[in-house]
Amino acid sequence: MIKINLLGGIKKSIGQSNLQINEESASINGIISYLESNYYSNNKINERDIMVAINGIESSVLGGYNAKVSSGDTVTILSIVHGG
């Protein structure tokens, strides 16, 4: 089981702060697709507007959106606020 924590705007859009996916492994791309298909009201998550961490490590250093996640891992997805 993979635990997903949602923070910021994506939490509000999906309507939950925590989810669990009953899979042995997945990629970040797969998790985003799962969220889009099952929870996200806008149908498409803009990957430039989120940051993803796997067990507290930013996913870009682990392979980006192709990074693999295993059962027991925690994926944290948070919205990035843009402005100026």
C-alpha atoms as a PDB file:
ATOM      1  CA  MET A   1       0.000   0.000   0.000  1.00  0.00           C
ATOM      2  CA  ILE A   2       1.304   3.450  -0.979  1.00  0.00           C
ATOM      3  CA  LYS A   3       0.309   6.400   1.212  1.00  0.00           C
ATOM      4  CA  ILE A   4      -0.328   9.773  -0.465  1.00  0.00           C
ATOM      5  CA  ASN A   5      -0.358  13.043   1.471  1.00  0.00           C
ATOM      6  CA  LEU A   6      -1.870  16.064  -0.264  1.00  0.00           C
ATOM      7  CA  LEU A   7      -1.101  19.633   0.788  1.00  0.00           C
ATOM      8  CA  GLY A   8      -2.209  23.085  -0.340  1.00  0.00           C
ATOM      9  CA  GLY A   9      -4.404  23.681  -3.367  1.00  0.00           C
ATOM     10  CA  ILE A  10      -4.277  20.092  -4.585  1.00  0.00           C
ATOM     11  CA  LYS A  11      -5.707  18.946  -1.239  1.00  0.00           C
ATOM     12  CA  LYS A  12      -8.588  21.374  -1.723  1.00  0.00           C
ATOM     13  CA  SER A  13      -9.141  20.316  -5.341  1.00  0.00           C
ATOM     14  CA  ILE A  14      -9.167  16.611  -4.543  1.00  0.00           C
ATOM     15  CA  GLY A  15     -11.108  17.053  -1.294  1.00  0.00           C
ATOM     16  CA  GLN A  16      -8.910  14.840   0.871  1.00  0.00           C
ATOM     17  CA  SER A  17      -5.602  15.195   2.669  1.00  0.00           C
ATOM     18  CA  ASN A  18      -4.620  11.519   2.713  1.00  0.00           C
ATOM     19  CA  LEU A  19      -5.178   8.628   0.322  1.00  0.00           C
ATOM     20  CA  GLN A  20      -3.893   5.099   0.030  1.00  0.00           C
ATOM     21  CA  ILE A  21      -3.307   3.154  -3.157  1.00  0.00           C
ATOM     22  CA  ASN A  22      -3.385  -0.597  -2.809  1.00  0.00           C
ATOM     23  CA  GLU A  23      -0.455  -1.315  -5.135  1.00  0.00           C
ATOM     24  CA  GLU A  24       2.948  -2.909  -4.603  1.00  0.00           C
ATOM     25  CA  SER A  25       4.654  -0.333  -6.830  1.00  0.00           C
ATOM     26  CA  ALA A  26       3.887   2.628  -9.056  1.00  0.00           C
ATOM     27  CA  SER A  27       5.586   5.569 -10.729  1.00  0.00           C
ATOM     28  CA  ILE A  28       4.869   9.183  -9.864  1.00  0.00           C
ATOM     29  CA  ASN A  29       3.311   9.490 -13.354  1.00  0.00           C
ATOM     30  CA  GLY A  30       1.040   6.565 -12.512  1.00  0.00           C
ATOM     31  CA  ILE A  31       0.001   8.123  -9.215  1.00  0.00           C
ATOM     32  CA  ILE A  32      -0.781  11.454 -10.891  1.00  0.00           C
ATOM     33  CA  SER A  33      -2.845   9.645 -13.551  1.00  0.00           C
ATOM     34  CA  TYR A  34      -4.683   7.757 -10.803  1.00  0.00           C
ATOM     35  CA  LEU A  35      -5.489  11.018  -8.992  1.00  0.00           C
ATOM     36  CA  GLU A  36      -6.657  12.669 -12.229  1.00  0.00           C
ATOM     37  CA  SER A  37      -8.913   9.741 -13.114  1.00  0.00           C
ATOM     38  CA  ASN A  38     -10.419   9.188  -9.679  1.00  0.00           C
ATOM     39  CA  TYR A  39     -10.369  12.433  -7.720  1.00  0.00           C
ATOM     40  CA  TYR A  40      -9.299  15.558  -9.578  1.00  0.00           C
ATOM     41  CA  SER A  41     -12.267  17.628 -10.701  1.00  0.00           C
ATOM     42  CA  ASN A  42     -10.316  19.510 -13.396  1.00  0.00           C
ATOM     43  CA  ASN A  43      -9.211  16.196 -15.041  1.00  0.00           C
ATOM     44  CA  LYS A  44      -5.585  17.356 -15.475  1.00  0.00           C
ATOM     45  CA  ILE A  45      -2.972  18.153 -12.851  1.00  0.00           C
ATOM     46  CA  ASN A  46      -0.419  20.637 -14.167  1.00  0.00           C
ATOM     47  CA  GLU A  47       2.888  19.050 -13.202  1.00  0.00           C
ATOM     48  CA  ARG A  48       4.585  22.459 -13.172  1.00  0.00           C
ATOM     49  CA  ASP A  49       2.252  23.527 -10.358  1.00  0.00           C
ATOM     50  CA  ILE A  50       3.116  20.736  -7.913  1.00  0.00           C
ATOM     51  CA  MET A  51       6.095  19.406  -6.005  1.00  0.00           C
ATOM     52  CA  VAL A  52       6.331  15.706  -5.228  1.00  0.00           C
ATOM     53  CA  ALA A  53       8.385  14.070  -2.486  1.00  0.00           C
ATOM     54  CA  ILE A  54       8.926  10.377  -1.840  1.00  0.00           C
ATOM     55  CA  ASN A  55       9.607   9.601   1.811  1.00  0.00           C
ATOM     56  CA  GLY A  56      10.570  13.255   2.292  1.00  0.00           C
ATOM     57  CA  ILE A  57      12.967  13.426  -0.681  1.00  0.00           C
ATOM     58  CA  GLU A  58      12.061  15.660  -3.618  1.00  0.00           C
ATOM     59  CA  SER A  59      11.271  13.391  -6.566  1.00  0.00           C
ATOM     60  CA  SER A  60      13.491  15.214  -9.082  1.00  0.00           C
ATOM     61  CA  VAL A  61      16.575  13.674  -7.451  1.00  0.00           C
ATOM     62  CA  LEU A  62      14.958  10.226  -7.577  1.00  0.00           C
ATOM     63  CA  GLY A  63      14.058  10.167 -11.262  1.00  0.00           C
ATOM     64  CA  GLY A  64      11.391  12.838 -11.513  1.00  0.00           C
ATOM     65  CA  TYR A  65       7.953  11.678 -12.579  1.00  0.00           C
ATOM     66  CA  ASN A  66       9.402   8.316 -13.629  1.00  0.00           C
ATOM     67  CA  ALA A  67      10.577   7.641 -10.054  1.00  0.00           C
ATOM     68  CA  LYS A  68       9.315   4.360  -8.655  1.00  0.00           C
ATOM     69  CA  VAL A  69       7.376   4.149  -5.422  1.00  0.00           C
ATOM     70  CA  SER A  70       6.960   0.916  -3.478  1.00  0.00           C
ATOM     71  CA  SER A  71       4.458  -0.365  -0.957  1.00  0.00           C
ATOM     72  CA  GLY A  72       5.151   1.267   2.398  1.00  0.00           C
ATOM     73  CA  ASP A  73       6.395   4.506   0.826  1.00  0.00           C
ATOM     74  CA  THR A  74       4.784   7.891   1.447  1.00  0.00           C
ATOM     75  CA  VAL A  75       4.302  10.280  -1.456  1.00  0.00           C
ATOM     76  CA  THR A  76       3.655  13.915  -0.584  1.00  0.00           C
ATOM     77  CA  ILE A  77       2.203  16.182  -3.253  1.00  0.00           C
ATOM     78  CA  LEU A  78       1.886  19.893  -2.659  1.00  0.00           C
ATOM     79  CA  SER A  79       0.809  22.795  -4.784  1.00  0.00           C
ATOM     80  CA  ILE A  80       3.416  25.394  -5.629  1.00  0.00           C
ATOM     81  CA  VAL A  81       2.173  28.952  -5.234  1.00  0.00           C
ATOM     82  CA  HIS A  82       3.260  31.276  -8.021  1.00  0.00           C
ATOM     83  CA  GLY A  83       3.160  34.999  -7.818  1.00  0.00           C
ATOM     84  CA  GLY A  84       5.141  38.130  -7.915  1.00  0.00           C
END
